[in-house]
Amino acid sequence: MHEHIQSAFKGTLVDTLGIRFVEASRTRVVAEMEVTRALFTSNGRLHGGAIMALADTVGATGAFLNIPEGAAGTTTIESKTNFFAGVAEGVVRAEALPVHVGKRTSCWQTKVTDAKGKLVAQVTQTQMVLTA
């Protein structure tokens, strides 16, 4: 399934950032992103916005995989990020798990880790189901 999802993001921000889906199901979404200089802040660390975009992508994908029949999609209505460590090289990995999945909203918690498994950030986001 993750190959199908990857192709749906062709030509989007996900593609631009180099986000690669590793796993995608209704209960777990995992993606990785290479840490490159193009995504750095001026101090040589991965930009927080890139980390947030990665986390939003996996959480939103999980929400989308759980939308009720007939829904038009989802949108992020709230997102809270805690940063714990900087990253200057390697790959970051985001794993999103559902906290709540309902008919109108879902809440996802995403942990972003570095190549050694160190926690870089934790994101909690709420997604609203869009109706047609």
N, C-alpha and C. Protein backbone atom coordinates (compact mmCIF):
# COMPACT_ATOMS: atom_id res chain seq x y z
N MET A 1 0.81 -1.19 0.00
CA MET A 1 0.00 0.00 0.00
C MET A 1 0.86 1.26 0.00
N HIS A 2 2.03 1.23 0.68
CA HIS A 2 2.81 2.44 0.77
C HIS A 2 3.34 2.90 -0.59
N GLU A 3 3.51 1.98 -1.55
CA GLU A 3 3.94 2.38 -2.90
C GLU A 3 2.85 3.20 -3.58
N HIS A 4 1.59 2.82 -3.40
CA HIS A 4 0.46 3.55 -3.97
C HIS A 4 0.39 4.96 -3.36
N ILE A 5 0.59 5.05 -2.06
CA ILE A 5 0.55 6.34 -1.39
C ILE A 5 1.71 7.21 -1.86
N GLN A 6 2.89 6.62 -1.99
CA GLN A 6 4.06 7.38 -2.47
C GLN A 6 3.76 8.00 -3.82
N SER A 7 3.16 7.25 -4.72
CA SER A 7 2.88 7.77 -6.07
C SER A 7 1.84 8.89 -6.04
N ALA A 8 0.95 8.89 -5.06
CA ALA A 8 -0.06 9.95 -4.95
C ALA A 8 0.56 11.29 -4.62
N PHE A 9 1.75 11.29 -4.02
CA PHE A 9 2.43 12.52 -3.62
C PHE A 9 3.44 13.03 -4.65
N LYS A 10 3.50 12.37 -5.80
CA LYS A 10 4.46 12.78 -6.83
C LYS A 10 4.20 14.24 -7.23
N GLY A 11 5.29 15.04 -7.24
CA GLY A 11 5.19 16.44 -7.63
C GLY A 11 4.71 17.38 -6.54
N THR A 12 4.59 16.88 -5.31
CA THR A 12 4.12 17.71 -4.19
C THR A 12 5.28 18.02 -3.24
N LEU A 13 4.98 18.70 -2.14
CA LEU A 13 5.98 19.00 -1.13
C LEU A 13 6.65 17.73 -0.61
N VAL A 14 5.89 16.68 -0.48
CA VAL A 14 6.42 15.39 -0.02
C VAL A 14 7.54 14.94 -0.95
N ASP A 15 7.34 15.06 -2.23
CA ASP A 15 8.34 14.71 -3.24
C ASP A 15 9.55 15.65 -3.14
N THR A 16 9.28 16.94 -3.00
CA THR A 16 10.35 17.95 -2.90
C THR A 16 11.24 17.69 -1.69
N LEU A 17 10.65 17.32 -0.56
CA LEU A 17 11.43 17.06 0.65
C LEU A 17 12.09 15.68 0.65
N GLY A 18 11.72 14.84 -0.30
CA GLY A 18 12.31 13.51 -0.37
C GLY A 18 11.75 12.53 0.65
N ILE A 19 10.52 12.75 1.07
CA ILE A 19 9.89 11.85 2.05
C ILE A 19 9.53 10.54 1.36
N ARG A 20 9.97 9.42 1.99
CA ARG A 20 9.72 8.09 1.45
C ARG A 20 8.88 7.29 2.44
N PHE A 21 7.75 6.79 1.96
CA PHE A 21 6.91 5.96 2.82
C PHE A 21 7.51 4.57 2.94
N VAL A 22 7.56 4.08 4.17
CA VAL A 22 8.10 2.76 4.47
C VAL A 22 6.96 1.79 4.75
N GLU A 23 5.93 2.30 5.42
CA GLU A 23 4.78 1.47 5.81
C GLU A 23 3.55 2.37 5.91
N ALA A 24 2.42 1.87 5.50
CA ALA A 24 1.18 2.65 5.62
C ALA A 24 -0.01 1.71 5.82
N SER A 25 -0.65 1.87 6.96
CA SER A 25 -1.87 1.11 7.24
C SER A 25 -2.80 2.01 8.04
N ARG A 26 -3.97 1.51 8.35
CA ARG A 26 -4.94 2.30 9.12
C ARG A 26 -4.50 2.51 10.56
N THR A 27 -3.51 1.74 11.02
CA THR A 27 -3.07 1.83 12.41
C THR A 27 -1.62 2.28 12.60
N ARG A 28 -0.90 2.46 11.50
CA ARG A 28 0.51 2.87 11.62
C ARG A 28 1.00 3.37 10.27
N VAL A 29 1.63 4.54 10.28
CA VAL A 29 2.25 5.07 9.07
C VAL A 29 3.70 5.44 9.42
N VAL A 30 4.63 4.98 8.58
CA VAL A 30 6.06 5.25 8.80
C VAL A 30 6.64 5.81 7.50
N ALA A 31 7.43 6.87 7.64
CA ALA A 31 8.12 7.45 6.49
C ALA A 31 9.49 7.95 6.95
N GLU A 32 10.38 8.09 5.98
CA GLU A 32 11.73 8.58 6.25
C GLU A 32 12.06 9.75 5.34
N MET A 33 13.02 10.56 5.80
CA MET A 33 13.48 11.70 5.02
C MET A 33 14.99 11.85 5.22
N GLU A 34 15.70 11.95 4.13
CA GLU A 34 17.15 12.17 4.17
C GLU A 34 17.43 13.57 4.69
N VAL A 35 18.38 13.68 5.59
CA VAL A 35 18.80 14.98 6.11
C VAL A 35 19.83 15.55 5.13
N THR A 36 19.44 16.60 4.42
CA THR A 36 20.33 17.21 3.43
C THR A 36 20.55 18.69 3.75
N ARG A 37 21.62 19.23 3.25
CA ARG A 37 21.95 20.64 3.48
C ARG A 37 20.83 21.57 3.02
N ALA A 38 20.13 21.19 1.97
CA ALA A 38 19.03 22.02 1.46
C ALA A 38 17.91 22.18 2.50
N LEU A 39 17.86 21.30 3.50
CA LEU A 39 16.82 21.35 4.52
C LEU A 39 17.33 21.90 5.85
N PHE A 40 18.55 22.44 5.85
CA PHE A 40 19.18 22.96 7.08
C PHE A 40 18.73 24.37 7.42
N THR A 41 18.87 24.70 8.69
CA THR A 41 18.81 26.08 9.13
C THR A 41 20.22 26.66 8.96
N SER A 42 20.39 27.92 9.30
CA SER A 42 21.71 28.55 9.16
C SER A 42 22.74 27.97 10.12
N ASN A 43 22.30 27.26 11.17
CA ASN A 43 23.26 26.66 12.11
C ASN A 43 23.61 25.21 11.77
N GLY A 44 23.23 24.75 10.57
CA GLY A 44 23.63 23.42 10.14
C GLY A 44 22.84 22.27 10.72
N ARG A 45 21.60 22.52 11.09
CA ARG A 45 20.72 21.47 11.61
C ARG A 45 19.46 21.40 10.76
N LEU A 46 18.81 20.24 10.77
CA LEU A 46 17.57 20.07 10.03
C LEU A 46 16.53 21.07 10.52
N HIS A 47 15.91 21.78 9.59
CA HIS A 47 14.93 22.81 9.91
C HIS A 47 13.70 22.20 10.58
N GLY A 48 13.20 22.86 11.61
CA GLY A 48 12.01 22.39 12.31
C GLY A 48 10.80 22.28 11.39
N GLY A 49 10.72 23.17 10.41
CA GLY A 49 9.61 23.11 9.46
C GLY A 49 9.64 21.84 8.62
N ALA A 50 10.83 21.37 8.29
CA ALA A 50 10.96 20.12 7.53
C ALA A 50 10.51 18.94 8.40
N ILE A 51 10.88 18.98 9.68
CA ILE A 51 10.46 17.93 10.61
C ILE A 51 8.94 17.95 10.75
N MET A 52 8.37 19.15 10.88
CA MET A 52 6.92 19.27 11.03
C MET A 52 6.20 18.82 9.77
N ALA A 53 6.76 19.11 8.61
CA ALA A 53 6.14 18.67 7.36
C ALA A 53 6.15 17.15 7.26
N LEU A 54 7.24 16.53 7.66
CA LEU A 54 7.32 15.06 7.68
C LEU A 54 6.26 14.49 8.62
N ALA A 55 6.18 15.03 9.83
CA ALA A 55 5.21 14.53 10.81
C ALA A 55 3.77 14.76 10.34
N ASP A 56 3.50 15.93 9.77
CA ASP A 56 2.15 16.21 9.28
C ASP A 56 1.77 15.25 8.16
N THR A 57 2.72 14.92 7.33
CA THR A 57 2.47 14.02 6.21
C THR A 57 2.07 12.63 6.68
N VAL A 58 2.79 12.07 7.65
CA VAL A 58 2.44 10.72 8.10
C VAL A 58 1.15 10.71 8.90
N GLY A 59 0.93 11.72 9.73
CA GLY A 59 -0.32 11.79 10.49
C GLY A 59 -1.52 11.97 9.57
N ALA A 60 -1.39 12.86 8.59
CA ALA A 60 -2.48 13.10 7.65
C ALA A 60 -2.76 11.87 6.80
N THR A 61 -1.72 11.14 6.45
CA THR A 61 -1.90 9.91 5.67
C THR A 61 -2.67 8.88 6.49
N GLY A 62 -2.32 8.73 7.76
CA GLY A 62 -3.07 7.82 8.62
C GLY A 62 -4.52 8.22 8.73
N ALA A 63 -4.77 9.51 8.88
CA ALA A 63 -6.15 10.00 8.96
C ALA A 63 -6.90 9.69 7.67
N PHE A 64 -6.26 9.94 6.54
CA PHE A 64 -6.89 9.69 5.25
C PHE A 64 -7.24 8.22 5.07
N LEU A 65 -6.37 7.34 5.53
CA LEU A 65 -6.63 5.90 5.40
C LEU A 65 -7.81 5.44 6.26
N ASN A 66 -8.26 6.30 7.17
CA ASN A 66 -9.36 5.95 8.08
C ASN A 66 -10.64 6.72 7.81
N ILE A 67 -10.70 7.50 6.75
CA ILE A 67 -11.91 8.32 6.54
C ILE A 67 -13.10 7.44 6.17
N PRO A 68 -14.29 7.87 6.60
CA PRO A 68 -15.48 7.10 6.27
C PRO A 68 -15.80 7.16 4.78
N GLU A 69 -16.51 6.18 4.31
CA GLU A 69 -16.92 6.15 2.90
C GLU A 69 -17.70 7.42 2.56
N GLY A 70 -17.39 8.01 1.43
CA GLY A 70 -18.07 9.21 0.97
C GLY A 70 -17.41 10.51 1.40
N ALA A 71 -16.42 10.44 2.29
CA ALA A 71 -15.72 11.65 2.72
C ALA A 71 -14.79 12.14 1.60
N ALA A 72 -14.53 13.44 1.60
CA ALA A 72 -13.71 14.04 0.54
C ALA A 72 -12.23 14.07 0.87
N GLY A 73 -11.86 13.86 2.11
CA GLY A 73 -10.45 13.91 2.52
C GLY A 73 -10.35 14.36 3.96
N THR A 74 -9.17 14.85 4.33
CA THR A 74 -8.94 15.35 5.68
C THR A 74 -8.12 16.63 5.60
N THR A 75 -8.10 17.37 6.70
CA THR A 75 -7.23 18.54 6.82
C THR A 75 -6.78 18.66 8.27
N THR A 76 -5.57 19.15 8.46
CA THR A 76 -5.05 19.35 9.81
C THR A 76 -5.73 20.56 10.42
N ILE A 77 -6.29 20.39 11.62
CA ILE A 77 -6.91 21.53 12.30
C ILE A 77 -6.12 21.95 13.55
N GLU A 78 -5.19 21.11 13.98
CA GLU A 78 -4.35 21.47 15.13
C GLU A 78 -3.11 20.60 15.09
N SER A 79 -1.97 21.21 15.44
CA SER A 79 -0.73 20.47 15.49
C SER A 79 0.17 21.05 16.58
N LYS A 80 0.73 20.19 17.40
CA LYS A 80 1.61 20.59 18.49
C LYS A 80 2.90 19.81 18.37
N THR A 81 4.02 20.54 18.32
CA THR A 81 5.32 19.91 18.15
C THR A 81 6.23 20.22 19.33
N ASN A 82 6.89 19.20 19.84
CA ASN A 82 7.97 19.36 20.82
C ASN A 82 9.25 18.89 20.16
N PHE A 83 10.28 19.73 20.19
CA PHE A 83 11.59 19.38 19.64
C PHE A 83 12.52 19.00 20.79
N PHE A 84 13.25 17.91 20.61
CA PHE A 84 14.14 17.42 21.67
C PHE A 84 15.61 17.39 21.27
N ALA A 85 15.90 17.30 19.98
CA ALA A 85 17.30 17.21 19.55
C ALA A 85 17.43 17.70 18.11
N GLY A 86 18.60 18.20 17.79
CA GLY A 86 18.90 18.60 16.42
C GLY A 86 19.49 17.43 15.65
N VAL A 87 19.41 17.52 14.32
CA VAL A 87 19.96 16.48 13.46
C VAL A 87 20.76 17.15 12.35
N ALA A 88 21.98 16.67 12.12
CA ALA A 88 22.83 17.27 11.10
C ALA A 88 23.18 16.31 9.96
N GLU A 89 22.84 15.04 10.11
CA GLU A 89 23.16 14.08 9.05
C GLU A 89 22.30 12.84 9.18
N GLY A 90 22.31 12.04 8.13
CA GLY A 90 21.60 10.76 8.15
C GLY A 90 20.18 10.86 7.67
N VAL A 91 19.33 10.10 8.33
CA VAL A 91 17.92 9.98 7.96
C VAL A 91 17.09 10.20 9.22
N VAL A 92 15.95 10.88 9.07
CA VAL A 92 14.98 10.94 10.16
C VAL A 92 13.80 10.06 9.78
N ARG A 93 13.21 9.46 10.80
CA ARG A 93 12.10 8.51 10.59
C ARG A 93 10.92 8.99 11.42
N ALA A 94 9.75 9.01 10.81
CA ALA A 94 8.53 9.41 11.50
C ALA A 94 7.58 8.22 11.56
N GLU A 95 7.06 7.97 12.76
CA GLU A 95 6.08 6.91 12.96
C GLU A 95 4.83 7.53 13.59
N ALA A 96 3.71 7.44 12.88
CA ALA A 96 2.45 8.00 13.36
C ALA A 96 1.52 6.87 13.80
N LEU A 97 0.95 7.04 14.98
CA LEU A 97 -0.01 6.08 15.53
C LEU A 97 -1.28 6.84 15.93
N PRO A 98 -2.44 6.21 15.75
CA PRO A 98 -3.68 6.89 16.11
C PRO A 98 -3.89 6.93 17.63
N VAL A 99 -4.33 8.08 18.10
CA VAL A 99 -4.75 8.24 19.49
C VAL A 99 -6.27 8.10 19.55
N HIS A 100 -6.93 8.63 18.52
CA HIS A 100 -8.39 8.59 18.41
C HIS A 100 -8.76 8.61 16.93
N VAL A 101 -9.69 7.76 16.54
CA VAL A 101 -10.23 7.80 15.18
C VAL A 101 -11.75 7.80 15.30
N GLY A 102 -12.36 8.91 14.88
CA GLY A 102 -13.81 9.04 14.94
C GLY A 102 -14.38 9.34 13.57
N LYS A 103 -15.68 9.62 13.54
CA LYS A 103 -16.35 9.92 12.27
C LYS A 103 -15.98 11.28 11.72
N ARG A 104 -15.71 12.25 12.60
CA ARG A 104 -15.44 13.62 12.16
C ARG A 104 -14.00 14.06 12.35
N THR A 105 -13.31 13.47 13.30
CA THR A 105 -11.92 13.84 13.56
C THR A 105 -11.10 12.60 13.90
N SER A 106 -9.79 12.77 13.77
CA SER A 106 -8.87 11.77 14.29
C SER A 106 -7.67 12.51 14.86
N CYS A 107 -7.02 11.89 15.82
CA CYS A 107 -5.85 12.48 16.46
C CYS A 107 -4.71 11.48 16.32
N TRP A 108 -3.54 12.00 15.91
CA TRP A 108 -2.38 11.14 15.65
C TRP A 108 -1.18 11.65 16.42
N GLN A 109 -0.41 10.72 16.97
CA GLN A 109 0.83 11.07 17.64
C GLN A 109 1.98 10.52 16.80
N THR A 110 2.90 11.41 16.48
CA THR A 110 4.03 11.05 15.62
C THR A 110 5.34 11.26 16.36
N LYS A 111 6.17 10.24 16.37
CA LYS A 111 7.52 10.35 16.93
C LYS A 111 8.50 10.41 15.76
N VAL A 112 9.39 11.39 15.81
CA VAL A 112 10.42 11.54 14.80
C VAL A 112 11.75 11.21 15.47
N THR A 113 12.48 10.26 14.90
CA THR A 113 13.75 9.82 15.46
C THR A 113 14.86 9.95 14.44
N ASP A 114 16.11 10.01 14.92
CA ASP A 114 17.25 10.04 14.01
C ASP A 114 17.68 8.62 13.66
N ALA A 115 18.75 8.49 12.90
CA ALA A 115 19.21 7.18 12.43
C ALA A 115 19.61 6.24 13.56
N LYS A 116 19.94 6.81 14.73
CA LYS A 116 20.32 5.99 15.89
C LYS A 116 19.13 5.69 16.80
N GLY A 117 17.94 6.17 16.43
CA GLY A 117 16.75 5.93 17.23
C GLY A 117 16.50 6.98 18.30
N LYS A 118 17.32 8.03 18.35
CA LYS A 118 17.15 9.10 19.34
C LYS A 118 15.92 9.94 18.98
N LEU A 119 15.10 10.25 19.97
CA LEU A 119 13.91 11.06 19.76
C LEU A 119 14.30 12.49 19.40
N VAL A 120 13.87 12.94 18.24
CA VAL A 120 14.14 14.28 17.74
C VAL A 120 12.96 15.20 18.02
N ALA A 121 11.74 14.71 17.78
CA ALA A 121 10.53 15.50 18.00
C ALA A 121 9.35 14.58 18.21
N GLN A 122 8.34 15.13 18.87
CA GLN A 122 7.06 14.44 19.02
C GLN A 122 5.98 15.42 18.62
N VAL A 123 5.07 14.94 17.78
CA VAL A 123 4.00 15.80 17.24
C VAL A 123 2.66 15.14 17.53
N THR A 124 1.72 15.93 18.02
CA THR A 124 0.35 15.48 18.17
C THR A 124 -0.51 16.37 17.29
N GLN A 125 -1.28 15.77 16.41
CA GLN A 125 -2.10 16.56 15.50
C GLN A 125 -3.52 16.01 15.43
N THR A 126 -4.44 16.92 15.15
CA THR A 126 -5.84 16.56 14.97
C THR A 126 -6.21 16.82 13.53
N GLN A 127 -6.85 15.83 12.93
CA GLN A 127 -7.31 15.92 11.54
C GLN A 127 -8.83 15.94 11.51
N MET A 128 -9.39 16.81 10.68
CA MET A 128 -10.83 16.88 10.49
C MET A 128 -11.19 16.20 9.17
N VAL A 129 -12.25 15.42 9.19
CA VAL A 129 -12.74 14.77 7.98
C VAL A 129 -13.52 15.80 7.18
N LEU A 130 -13.21 15.90 5.88
CA LEU A 130 -13.90 16.82 4.98
C LEU A 130 -15.03 16.09 4.28
N THR A 131 -16.16 16.73 4.18
CA THR A 131 -17.30 16.13 3.48
C THR A 131 -17.40 16.71 2.08
N ALA A 132 -17.99 15.94 1.19
CA ALA A 132 -18.09 16.37 -0.21
C ALA A 132 -19.08 17.49 -0.38
